[in-house]
């Protein structure tokens, strides 16, 4: 089955201090392990980027653009795109 991952899931997945981090990571790992396809859209990437680079004092993560890009690519974009094409 294909699942569209909401931006809030992406944010909880990388925010180790959030109370929903562990359950989010567990759910994503289970879905991947069970062979499900997880997809994100460009809109998810934009929303993730906005929160990741927003100052922590303004409800963001306060990351540099380089760090936000690294997080997005290492956790979501590459793995999800590769998984999508391997499962065809």
N, C-alpha and C. Protein backbone atom coordinates (compact mmCIF):
# COMPACT_ATOMS: atom_id res chain seq x y z
N UNK A 1 0.84 -1.17 0.00
CA UNK A 1 0.00 0.00 0.00
C UNK A 1 0.89 1.24 0.00
N UNK A 2 0.41 2.30 -0.62
CA UNK A 2 1.12 3.57 -0.67
C UNK A 2 0.53 4.52 0.36
N UNK A 3 1.40 5.16 1.13
CA UNK A 3 0.97 6.14 2.13
C UNK A 3 1.61 7.48 1.84
N UNK A 4 0.81 8.54 1.87
CA UNK A 4 1.32 9.90 1.77
C UNK A 4 1.61 10.36 3.20
N UNK A 5 2.84 10.71 3.45
CA UNK A 5 3.26 11.08 4.79
C UNK A 5 3.03 12.58 5.01
N UNK A 6 2.31 12.92 6.05
CA UNK A 6 2.02 14.31 6.41
C UNK A 6 3.30 14.98 6.93
N UNK A 7 3.39 16.28 6.73
CA UNK A 7 4.56 17.04 7.20
C UNK A 7 4.76 16.91 8.69
N UNK A 8 3.69 16.86 9.46
CA UNK A 8 3.83 16.71 10.91
C UNK A 8 4.53 15.40 11.27
N UNK A 9 4.31 14.37 10.50
CA UNK A 9 5.00 13.09 10.74
C UNK A 9 6.49 13.27 10.46
N UNK A 10 6.83 13.96 9.37
CA UNK A 10 8.23 14.21 9.07
C UNK A 10 8.91 14.98 10.19
N UNK A 11 8.22 15.98 10.70
CA UNK A 11 8.78 16.81 11.77
C UNK A 11 8.96 16.03 13.07
N UNK A 12 7.98 15.20 13.41
CA UNK A 12 8.10 14.39 14.63
C UNK A 12 9.19 13.33 14.49
N UNK A 13 9.38 12.85 13.28
CA UNK A 13 10.38 11.82 13.02
C UNK A 13 11.80 12.32 13.33
N UNK A 14 12.07 13.58 13.04
CA UNK A 14 13.43 14.11 13.26
C UNK A 14 13.60 14.85 14.58
N UNK A 15 12.51 15.22 15.24
CA UNK A 15 12.59 15.97 16.50
C UNK A 15 12.63 15.01 17.68
N UNK A 16 13.81 14.69 18.12
CA UNK A 16 13.99 13.70 19.20
C UNK A 16 13.44 14.17 20.55
N UNK A 17 13.16 15.47 20.68
CA UNK A 17 12.64 15.98 21.95
C UNK A 17 11.11 15.96 22.01
N UNK A 18 10.47 15.72 20.89
CA UNK A 18 9.00 15.74 20.86
C UNK A 18 8.44 14.47 21.49
N UNK A 19 7.33 14.60 22.18
CA UNK A 19 6.72 13.46 22.88
C UNK A 19 6.25 12.36 21.92
N UNK A 20 6.00 12.69 20.66
CA UNK A 20 5.54 11.70 19.69
C UNK A 20 6.66 11.14 18.81
N UNK A 21 7.89 11.51 19.12
CA UNK A 21 9.02 11.07 18.29
C UNK A 21 9.14 9.54 18.23
N UNK A 22 9.15 8.89 19.34
CA UNK A 22 9.36 7.44 19.37
C UNK A 22 8.25 6.68 18.65
N UNK A 23 7.01 7.06 18.89
CA UNK A 23 5.90 6.36 18.23
C UNK A 23 5.91 6.62 16.72
N UNK A 24 6.32 7.82 16.33
CA UNK A 24 6.41 8.15 14.91
C UNK A 24 7.50 7.31 14.23
N UNK A 25 8.67 7.25 14.83
CA UNK A 25 9.77 6.45 14.27
C UNK A 25 9.38 4.98 14.19
N UNK A 26 8.73 4.49 15.23
CA UNK A 26 8.31 3.09 15.26
C UNK A 26 7.32 2.80 14.14
N UNK A 27 6.36 3.68 13.95
CA UNK A 27 5.33 3.49 12.91
C UNK A 27 5.95 3.52 11.51
N UNK A 28 6.85 4.47 11.27
CA UNK A 28 7.49 4.56 9.95
C UNK A 28 8.35 3.33 9.69
N UNK A 29 9.10 2.91 10.67
CA UNK A 29 9.93 1.71 10.50
C UNK A 29 9.08 0.48 10.21
N UNK A 30 7.96 0.35 10.92
CA UNK A 30 7.09 -0.80 10.70
C UNK A 30 6.49 -0.78 9.30
N UNK A 31 6.03 0.37 8.87
CA UNK A 31 5.47 0.47 7.52
C UNK A 31 6.52 0.10 6.47
N UNK A 32 7.73 0.62 6.62
CA UNK A 32 8.80 0.29 5.67
C UNK A 32 9.14 -1.20 5.71
N UNK A 33 9.26 -1.73 6.91
CA UNK A 33 9.60 -3.15 7.09
C UNK A 33 8.53 -4.06 6.48
N UNK A 34 7.28 -3.63 6.56
CA UNK A 34 6.17 -4.41 6.02
C UNK A 34 5.99 -4.22 4.50
N UNK A 35 6.89 -3.45 3.89
CA UNK A 35 6.87 -3.30 2.44
C UNK A 35 5.97 -2.21 1.89
N UNK A 36 5.46 -1.37 2.75
CA UNK A 36 4.60 -0.28 2.28
C UNK A 36 5.46 0.83 1.67
N UNK A 37 4.88 1.56 0.75
CA UNK A 37 5.57 2.66 0.08
C UNK A 37 5.15 3.95 0.77
N UNK A 38 6.14 4.71 1.24
CA UNK A 38 5.89 5.98 1.90
C UNK A 38 6.30 7.10 0.96
N UNK A 39 5.40 8.03 0.71
CA UNK A 39 5.70 9.11 -0.23
C UNK A 39 5.47 10.46 0.41
N UNK A 40 6.26 11.42 -0.06
CA UNK A 40 6.06 12.81 0.33
C UNK A 40 5.94 13.62 -0.95
N UNK A 41 5.44 14.83 -0.80
CA UNK A 41 5.28 15.72 -1.95
C UNK A 41 6.24 16.91 -1.81
N UNK A 42 6.34 17.69 -2.85
CA UNK A 42 7.16 18.90 -2.76
C UNK A 42 6.61 19.84 -1.70
N UNK A 43 5.30 19.84 -1.52
CA UNK A 43 4.69 20.67 -0.48
C UNK A 43 5.19 20.26 0.90
N UNK A 44 5.32 18.95 1.14
CA UNK A 44 5.88 18.47 2.41
C UNK A 44 7.29 18.98 2.62
N UNK A 45 8.08 18.96 1.55
CA UNK A 45 9.47 19.43 1.63
C UNK A 45 9.53 20.91 1.98
N UNK A 46 8.68 21.71 1.36
CA UNK A 46 8.64 23.15 1.63
C UNK A 46 8.22 23.40 3.08
N UNK A 47 7.18 22.72 3.54
CA UNK A 47 6.71 22.91 4.91
C UNK A 47 7.76 22.46 5.92
N UNK A 48 8.41 21.33 5.65
CA UNK A 48 9.47 20.84 6.53
C UNK A 48 10.60 21.87 6.59
N UNK A 49 11.01 22.37 5.44
CA UNK A 49 12.08 23.36 5.35
C UNK A 49 11.74 24.61 6.15
N UNK A 50 10.50 25.08 6.03
CA UNK A 50 10.09 26.29 6.76
C UNK A 50 10.20 26.11 8.27
N UNK A 51 9.77 24.98 8.77
CA UNK A 51 9.85 24.74 10.21
C UNK A 51 11.30 24.50 10.63
N UNK A 52 12.02 23.72 9.85
CA UNK A 52 13.40 23.36 10.21
C UNK A 52 14.31 24.58 10.28
N UNK A 53 14.11 25.54 9.38
CA UNK A 53 15.00 26.71 9.35
C UNK A 53 14.46 27.91 10.14
N UNK A 54 13.25 27.81 10.63
CA UNK A 54 12.69 28.89 11.45
C UNK A 54 13.41 28.89 12.81
N UNK A 55 13.66 30.06 13.38
CA UNK A 55 14.32 30.12 14.69
C UNK A 55 13.54 29.34 15.76
N UNK A 56 14.26 28.73 16.66
CA UNK A 56 13.63 27.96 17.73
C UNK A 56 12.74 28.85 18.60
N UNK A 57 13.08 30.10 18.72
CA UNK A 57 12.27 31.04 19.51
C UNK A 57 10.93 31.35 18.85
N UNK A 58 10.79 30.96 17.59
CA UNK A 58 9.54 31.20 16.85
C UNK A 58 8.91 29.87 16.43
N UNK A 59 9.06 28.86 17.30
CA UNK A 59 8.44 27.55 17.10
C UNK A 59 9.02 26.77 15.92
N UNK A 60 10.30 26.95 15.67
CA UNK A 60 10.99 26.20 14.63
C UNK A 60 12.10 25.36 15.23
N UNK A 61 12.91 24.77 14.38
CA UNK A 61 14.05 23.96 14.84
C UNK A 61 15.33 24.78 14.91
N UNK A 62 15.38 25.91 14.22
CA UNK A 62 16.56 26.76 14.26
C UNK A 62 17.77 26.18 13.52
N UNK A 63 17.53 25.35 12.52
CA UNK A 63 18.63 24.74 11.78
C UNK A 63 19.13 25.66 10.66
N UNK A 64 20.36 25.45 10.27
CA UNK A 64 20.88 26.16 9.10
C UNK A 64 20.26 25.52 7.86
N UNK A 65 20.25 26.22 6.75
CA UNK A 65 19.75 25.61 5.51
C UNK A 65 20.50 24.32 5.14
N UNK A 66 21.79 24.29 5.39
CA UNK A 66 22.58 23.09 5.10
C UNK A 66 22.12 21.91 5.94
N UNK A 67 21.90 22.15 7.23
CA UNK A 67 21.44 21.07 8.12
C UNK A 67 20.03 20.62 7.77
N UNK A 68 19.16 21.56 7.43
CA UNK A 68 17.79 21.21 7.04
C UNK A 68 17.80 20.36 5.78
N UNK A 69 18.63 20.73 4.82
CA UNK A 69 18.75 19.98 3.58
C UNK A 69 19.27 18.57 3.85
N UNK A 70 20.28 18.47 4.70
CA UNK A 70 20.84 17.16 5.04
C UNK A 70 19.79 16.26 5.69
N UNK A 71 19.03 16.80 6.62
CA UNK A 71 17.99 16.03 7.29
C UNK A 71 16.93 15.55 6.31
N UNK A 72 16.47 16.45 5.49
CA UNK A 72 15.42 16.12 4.52
C UNK A 72 15.90 15.04 3.56
N UNK A 73 17.10 15.19 3.05
CA UNK A 73 17.62 14.22 2.09
C UNK A 73 17.97 12.88 2.74
N UNK A 74 18.58 12.93 3.90
CA UNK A 74 19.03 11.68 4.51
C UNK A 74 17.89 10.84 5.07
N UNK A 75 16.84 11.49 5.54
CA UNK A 75 15.74 10.73 6.16
C UNK A 75 14.57 10.46 5.23
N UNK A 76 14.33 11.33 4.28
CA UNK A 76 13.09 11.21 3.52
C UNK A 76 13.24 11.11 2.02
N UNK A 77 13.83 12.09 1.42
CA UNK A 77 13.80 12.17 -0.04
C UNK A 77 14.46 10.97 -0.69
N UNK A 78 15.71 10.69 -0.36
CA UNK A 78 16.42 9.59 -1.01
C UNK A 78 15.78 8.25 -0.72
N UNK A 79 15.54 7.96 0.54
CA UNK A 79 15.00 6.65 0.91
C UNK A 79 13.62 6.42 0.31
N UNK A 80 12.77 7.41 0.35
CA UNK A 80 11.41 7.24 -0.14
C UNK A 80 11.40 7.10 -1.66
N UNK A 81 12.18 7.92 -2.34
CA UNK A 81 12.22 7.82 -3.80
C UNK A 81 12.83 6.49 -4.22
N UNK A 82 13.91 6.08 -3.60
CA UNK A 82 14.54 4.80 -3.93
C UNK A 82 13.58 3.66 -3.64
N UNK A 83 12.92 3.70 -2.49
CA UNK A 83 11.97 2.64 -2.13
C UNK A 83 10.84 2.57 -3.15
N UNK A 84 10.37 3.71 -3.60
CA UNK A 84 9.27 3.76 -4.58
C UNK A 84 9.63 3.01 -5.84
N UNK A 85 10.84 3.23 -6.36
CA UNK A 85 11.23 2.62 -7.62
C UNK A 85 11.69 1.18 -7.48
N UNK A 86 12.18 0.80 -6.32
CA UNK A 86 12.58 -0.59 -6.11
C UNK A 86 11.37 -1.50 -5.99
N UNK A 87 10.26 -0.96 -5.51
CA UNK A 87 9.06 -1.76 -5.29
C UNK A 87 8.14 -1.83 -6.50
N UNK A 88 8.55 -1.34 -7.64
CA UNK A 88 7.69 -1.38 -8.84
C UNK A 88 7.60 -2.78 -9.38
